[in-house]
Amino acid sequence: MVKGEVGTGGDAHVFELLDRTLRILRDDMLARTAEADWAWLRSSQHRVLSMVPTGGIRVGDLATVAGMTPQSMGEFARELERQGLLRTERDEADRRVRLLVLTDAGAAAAAAGDRAVRAMEQAWRDRLGAARWDVMRGVLADLAASGAGSEQGGDPSPAGGSGAH
């Protein structure tokens, strides 16, 4: 491929690089969860299952944590219920409230997903080297926490300046 050609990475914009990296991560996740018979779940489903605490969680609270609307999370949760991974229970503290709770199968899927992510991260750390991996993780965490590039997120540059280099 020639420099600047789509797919080379040399001149690729950040969306292309992130998209390609996410595809590789998803493929790796599928391969690793297949070993535990959970490959039929999407990475987004593993992610949501891993966010459900032991005592359960309200749909709206799970939506907030996942960065989704409550309506979207409700539909997402109904699909996970149909698959036997979540169930809905009344909150003992407030019987008007319904909580999403992992089933035994949901807990097993969440654990398999967590193991796959840890193994995948270790493989990437080994591949990139600890220093580069830590920098990459740190930059991604900073961007995620700051909302960099958004009007609300403020300035992503370390000095808080214009960000121009």
C-alpha atoms as a PDB file:
ATOM      1  CA  MET A   1       0.000   0.000   0.000  1.00  0.00           C
ATOM      2  CA  VAL A   2       1.056   3.546  -0.655  1.00  0.00           C
ATOM      3  CA  LYS A   3       1.379   6.130   2.097  1.00  0.00           C
ATOM      4  CA  GLY A   4      -1.951   7.883   2.504  1.00  0.00           C
ATOM      5  CA  GLU A   5      -3.907   4.994   1.003  1.00  0.00           C
ATOM      6  CA  VAL A   6      -6.898   3.942   3.061  1.00  0.00           C
ATOM      7  CA  GLY A   7      -6.011   1.167   5.453  1.00  0.00           C
ATOM      8  CA  THR A   8      -2.293   1.870   5.827  1.00  0.00           C
ATOM      9  CA  GLY A   9      -2.476   3.638   9.163  1.00  0.00           C
ATOM     10  CA  GLY A  10       0.169   6.159   8.070  1.00  0.00           C
ATOM     11  CA  ASP A  11      -2.217   8.964   7.244  1.00  0.00           C
ATOM     12  CA  ALA A  12      -5.382   7.362   8.581  1.00  0.00           C
ATOM     13  CA  HIS A  13      -7.546   9.632  10.676  1.00  0.00           C
ATOM     14  CA  VAL A  14      -8.285   8.767  14.271  1.00  0.00           C
ATOM     15  CA  PHE A  15     -11.740   7.341  13.487  1.00  0.00           C
ATOM     16  CA  GLU A  16     -10.248   4.800  11.100  1.00  0.00           C
ATOM     17  CA  LEU A  17      -7.515   3.838  13.566  1.00  0.00           C
ATOM     18  CA  LEU A  18      -9.943   3.470  16.456  1.00  0.00           C
ATOM     19  CA  ASP A  19     -12.443   1.557  14.315  1.00  0.00           C
ATOM     20  CA  ARG A  20      -9.808  -0.879  13.083  1.00  0.00           C
ATOM     21  CA  THR A  21      -8.475  -1.361  16.603  1.00  0.00           C
ATOM     22  CA  LEU A  22     -11.971  -1.971  18.002  1.00  0.00           C
ATOM     23  CA  ARG A  23     -12.634  -4.557  15.286  1.00  0.00           C
ATOM     24  CA  ILE A  24      -9.428  -6.381  16.217  1.00  0.00           C
ATOM     25  CA  LEU A  25     -10.364  -6.231  19.909  1.00  0.00           C
ATOM     26  CA  ARG A  26     -13.878  -7.548  19.211  1.00  0.00           C
ATOM     27  CA  ASP A  27     -12.517 -10.401  17.094  1.00  0.00           C
ATOM     28  CA  ASP A  28     -10.049 -11.248  19.865  1.00  0.00           C
ATOM     29  CA  MET A  29     -12.869 -11.113  22.432  1.00  0.00           C
ATOM     30  CA  LEU A  30     -15.004 -13.456  20.332  1.00  0.00           C
ATOM     31  CA  ALA A  31     -12.155 -15.920  19.947  1.00  0.00           C
ATOM     32  CA  ARG A  32     -11.442 -15.908  23.677  1.00  0.00           C
ATOM     33  CA  THR A  33     -15.086 -16.206  24.773  1.00  0.00           C
ATOM     34  CA  ALA A  34     -15.616 -19.025  22.253  1.00  0.00           C
ATOM     35  CA  GLU A  35     -13.273 -21.082  24.387  1.00  0.00           C
ATOM     36  CA  ALA A  36     -15.780 -20.681  27.238  1.00  0.00           C
ATOM     37  CA  ASP A  37     -18.827 -21.249  24.963  1.00  0.00           C
ATOM     38  CA  TRP A  38     -19.913 -17.606  25.124  1.00  0.00           C
ATOM     39  CA  ALA A  39     -18.921 -16.508  21.599  1.00  0.00           C
ATOM     40  CA  TRP A  40     -22.595 -16.080  20.671  1.00  0.00           C
ATOM     41  CA  LEU A  41     -22.732 -12.998  22.905  1.00  0.00           C
ATOM     42  CA  ARG A  42     -21.705  -9.644  21.471  1.00  0.00           C
ATOM     43  CA  SER A  43     -18.919  -7.733  23.214  1.00  0.00           C
ATOM     44  CA  SER A  44     -21.482  -5.065  24.149  1.00  0.00           C
ATOM     45  CA  GLN A  45     -23.555  -7.728  25.921  1.00  0.00           C
ATOM     46  CA  HIS A  46     -20.518  -8.953  27.845  1.00  0.00           C
ATOM     47  CA  ARG A  47     -19.783  -5.334  28.782  1.00  0.00           C
ATOM     48  CA  VAL A  48     -23.301  -4.680  30.106  1.00  0.00           C
ATOM     49  CA  LEU A  49     -23.403  -7.974  32.023  1.00  0.00           C
ATOM     50  CA  SER A  50     -20.109  -7.051  33.702  1.00  0.00           C
ATOM     51  CA  MET A  51     -21.687  -3.794  34.939  1.00  0.00           C
ATOM     52  CA  VAL A  52     -24.494  -5.499  36.870  1.00  0.00           C
ATOM     53  CA  PRO A  53     -23.561  -5.642  40.570  1.00  0.00           C
ATOM     54  CA  THR A  54     -24.336  -8.652  42.736  1.00  0.00           C
ATOM     55  CA  GLY A  55     -27.413  -7.063  44.317  1.00  0.00           C
ATOM     56  CA  GLY A  56     -28.826  -5.889  41.001  1.00  0.00           C
ATOM     57  CA  ILE A  57     -29.252  -2.439  39.500  1.00  0.00           C
ATOM     58  CA  ARG A  58     -32.056  -0.220  38.195  1.00  0.00           C
ATOM     59  CA  VAL A  59     -32.376   0.044  34.433  1.00  0.00           C
ATOM     60  CA  GLY A  60     -31.849   3.813  34.566  1.00  0.00           C
ATOM     61  CA  ASP A  61     -28.725   3.485  36.687  1.00  0.00           C
ATOM     62  CA  LEU A  62     -27.298   0.826  34.373  1.00  0.00           C
ATOM     63  CA  ALA A  63     -28.086   3.067  31.393  1.00  0.00           C
ATOM     64  CA  THR A  64     -26.153   5.917  32.999  1.00  0.00           C
ATOM     65  CA  VAL A  65     -23.131   3.718  33.713  1.00  0.00           C
ATOM     66  CA  ALA A  66     -23.195   2.316  30.164  1.00  0.00           C
ATOM     67  CA  GLY A  67     -23.742   5.699  28.513  1.00  0.00           C
ATOM     68  CA  MET A  68     -27.101   4.723  27.010  1.00  0.00           C
ATOM     69  CA  THR A  69     -30.608   6.099  27.235  1.00  0.00           C
ATOM     70  CA  PRO A  70     -32.908   4.319  29.694  1.00  0.00           C
ATOM     71  CA  GLN A  71     -35.156   3.299  26.775  1.00  0.00           C
ATOM     72  CA  SER A  72     -32.245   1.731  24.882  1.00  0.00           C
ATOM     73  CA  MET A  73     -30.992  -0.015  27.997  1.00  0.00           C
ATOM     74  CA  GLY A  74     -34.490  -1.330  28.693  1.00  0.00           C
ATOM     75  CA  GLU A  75     -34.598  -2.937  25.246  1.00  0.00           C
ATOM     76  CA  PHE A  76     -31.043  -4.228  25.652  1.00  0.00           C
ATOM     77  CA  ALA A  77     -31.942  -5.725  29.047  1.00  0.00           C
ATOM     78  CA  ARG A  78     -35.086  -7.370  27.649  1.00  0.00           C
ATOM     79  CA  GLU A  79     -32.935  -9.130  25.058  1.00  0.00           C
ATOM     80  CA  LEU A  80     -30.563 -10.346  27.790  1.00  0.00           C
ATOM     81  CA  GLU A  81     -33.618 -11.544  29.751  1.00  0.00           C
ATOM     82  CA  ARG A  82     -34.884 -13.473  26.706  1.00  0.00           C
ATOM     83  CA  GLN A  83     -31.445 -15.092  26.511  1.00  0.00           C
ATOM     84  CA  GLY A  84     -31.699 -16.135  30.178  1.00  0.00           C
ATOM     85  CA  LEU A  85     -28.816 -13.939  31.358  1.00  0.00           C
ATOM     86  CA  LEU A  86     -30.757 -11.337  33.344  1.00  0.00           C
ATOM     87  CA  ARG A  87     -33.944 -11.424  35.348  1.00  0.00           C
ATOM     88  CA  THR A  88     -36.050  -8.632  36.787  1.00  0.00           C
ATOM     89  CA  GLU A  89     -36.818  -8.572  40.515  1.00  0.00           C
ATOM     90  CA  ARG A  90     -38.581  -6.177  42.836  1.00  0.00           C
ATOM     91  CA  ASP A  91     -36.291  -4.166  45.083  1.00  0.00           C
ATOM     92  CA  GLU A  92     -36.854  -5.311  48.672  1.00  0.00           C
ATOM     93  CA  ALA A  93     -36.192  -1.766  49.925  1.00  0.00           C
ATOM     94  CA  ASP A  94     -38.784  -0.221  47.580  1.00  0.00           C
ATOM     95  CA  ARG A  95     -41.238  -2.670  46.027  1.00  0.00           C
ATOM     96  CA  ARG A  96     -42.090  -0.134  43.275  1.00  0.00           C
ATOM     97  CA  VAL A  97     -38.552  -0.429  41.920  1.00  0.00           C
ATOM     98  CA  ARG A  98     -37.510  -3.206  39.575  1.00  0.00           C
ATOM     99  CA  LEU A  99     -33.896  -4.352  39.509  1.00  0.00           C
ATOM    100  CA  LEU A 100     -31.925  -6.151  36.852  1.00  0.00           C
ATOM    101  CA  VAL A 101     -30.154  -9.141  38.400  1.00  0.00           C
ATOM    102  CA  LEU A 102     -27.767 -11.592  36.791  1.00  0.00           C
ATOM    103  CA  THR A 103     -28.952 -15.178  36.477  1.00  0.00           C
ATOM    104  CA  ASP A 104     -26.419 -17.936  37.120  1.00  0.00           C
ATOM    105  CA  ALA A 105     -25.840 -18.096  33.362  1.00  0.00           C
ATOM    106  CA  GLY A 106     -25.457 -14.304  33.239  1.00  0.00           C
ATOM    107  CA  ALA A 107     -22.899 -14.373  36.042  1.00  0.00           C
ATOM    108  CA  ALA A 108     -20.977 -17.112  34.211  1.00  0.00           C
ATOM    109  CA  ALA A 109     -21.063 -15.092  30.966  1.00  0.00           C
ATOM    110  CA  ALA A 110     -19.907 -11.943  32.779  1.00  0.00           C
ATOM    111  CA  ALA A 111     -17.049 -13.856  34.430  1.00  0.00           C
ATOM    112  CA  ALA A 112     -16.019 -15.405  31.102  1.00  0.00           C
ATOM    113  CA  GLY A 113     -16.080 -11.965  29.491  1.00  0.00           C
ATOM    114  CA  ASP A 114     -13.984 -10.478  32.299  1.00  0.00           C
ATOM    115  CA  ARG A 115     -11.433 -13.310  31.982  1.00  0.00           C
ATOM    116  CA  ALA A 116     -11.301 -12.789  28.210  1.00  0.00           C
ATOM    117  CA  VAL A 117     -10.728  -9.048  28.602  1.00  0.00           C
ATOM    118  CA  ARG A 118      -7.963  -9.570  31.176  1.00  0.00           C
ATOM    119  CA  ALA A 119      -6.241 -12.155  28.952  1.00  0.00           C
ATOM    120  CA  MET A 120      -6.633  -9.919  25.909  1.00  0.00           C
ATOM    121  CA  GLU A 121      -5.204  -6.916  27.738  1.00  0.00           C
ATOM    122  CA  GLN A 122      -2.250  -8.994  28.925  1.00  0.00           C
ATOM    123  CA  ALA A 123      -1.598 -10.211  25.380  1.00  0.00           C
ATOM    124  CA  TRP A 124      -1.701  -6.641  24.072  1.00  0.00           C
ATOM    125  CA  ARG A 125       0.550  -5.485  26.916  1.00  0.00           C
ATOM    126  CA  ASP A 126       3.030  -8.231  26.026  1.00  0.00           C
ATOM    127  CA  ARG A 127       2.836  -7.290  22.343  1.00  0.00           C
ATOM    128  CA  LEU A 128       3.252  -3.531  22.828  1.00  0.00           C
ATOM    129  CA  GLY A 129       5.492  -3.612  25.870  1.00  0.00           C
ATOM    130  CA  ALA A 130       4.461  -2.469  29.324  1.00  0.00           C
ATOM    131  CA  ALA A 131       5.483   1.175  28.872  1.00  0.00           C
ATOM    132  CA  ARG A 132       3.613   1.674  25.577  1.00  0.00           C
ATOM    133  CA  TRP A 133       0.560  -0.201  26.891  1.00  0.00           C
ATOM    134  CA  ASP A 134       0.468   1.937  30.043  1.00  0.00           C
ATOM    135  CA  VAL A 135       0.755   5.138  27.984  1.00  0.00           C
ATOM    136  CA  MET A 136      -2.011   4.005  25.633  1.00  0.00           C
ATOM    137  CA  ARG A 137      -4.301   3.068  28.523  1.00  0.00           C
ATOM    138  CA  GLY A 138      -3.520   6.329  30.279  1.00  0.00           C
ATOM    139  CA  VAL A 139      -4.283   8.427  27.198  1.00  0.00           C
ATOM    140  CA  LEU A 140      -7.541   6.567  26.559  1.00  0.00           C
ATOM    141  CA  ALA A 141      -8.553   6.931  30.209  1.00  0.00           C
ATOM    142  CA  ASP A 142      -7.750  10.661  30.158  1.00  0.00           C
ATOM    143  CA  LEU A 143      -9.757  11.180  26.967  1.00  0.00           C
ATOM    144  CA  ALA A 144     -12.693   9.179  28.284  1.00  0.00           C
ATOM    145  CA  ALA A 145     -12.697  11.046  31.599  1.00  0.00           C
ATOM    146  CA  SER A 146     -12.350  14.501  30.090  1.00  0.00           C
ATOM    147  CA  GLY A 147     -14.713  14.202  27.164  1.00  0.00           C
ATOM    148  CA  ALA A 148     -11.850  15.649  25.105  1.00  0.00           C
ATOM    149  CA  GLY A 149     -12.928  17.325  21.936  1.00  0.00           C
ATOM    150  CA  SER A 150     -16.401  18.090  23.233  1.00  0.00           C
ATOM    151  CA  GLU A 151     -17.536  21.528  24.280  1.00  0.00           C
ATOM    152  CA  GLN A 152     -18.116  20.251  27.818  1.00  0.00           C
ATOM    153  CA  GLY A 153     -14.879  18.317  28.000  1.00  0.00           C
ATOM    154  CA  GLY A 154     -12.539  21.223  28.027  1.00  0.00           C
ATOM    155  CA  ASP A 155      -8.989  21.130  26.795  1.00  0.00           C
ATOM    156  CA  PRO A 156      -7.284  17.746  26.433  1.00  0.00           C
ATOM    157  CA  SER A 157      -3.769  19.196  26.308  1.00  0.00           C
ATOM    158  CA  PRO A 158      -1.607  18.538  29.369  1.00  0.00           C
ATOM    159  CA  ALA A 159      -0.923  22.234  29.984  1.00  0.00           C
ATOM    160  CA  GLY A 160      -4.527  23.260  29.502  1.00  0.00           C
ATOM    161  CA  GLY A 161      -3.578  25.501  26.606  1.00  0.00           C
ATOM    162  CA  SER A 162      -4.911  25.694  23.086  1.00  0.00           C
ATOM    163  CA  GLY A 163      -3.902  22.150  22.262  1.00  0.00           C
ATOM    164  CA  ALA A 164      -2.166  23.337  19.100  1.00  0.00           C
ATOM    165  CA  HIS A 165       1.312  21.962  18.497  1.00  0.00           C
END
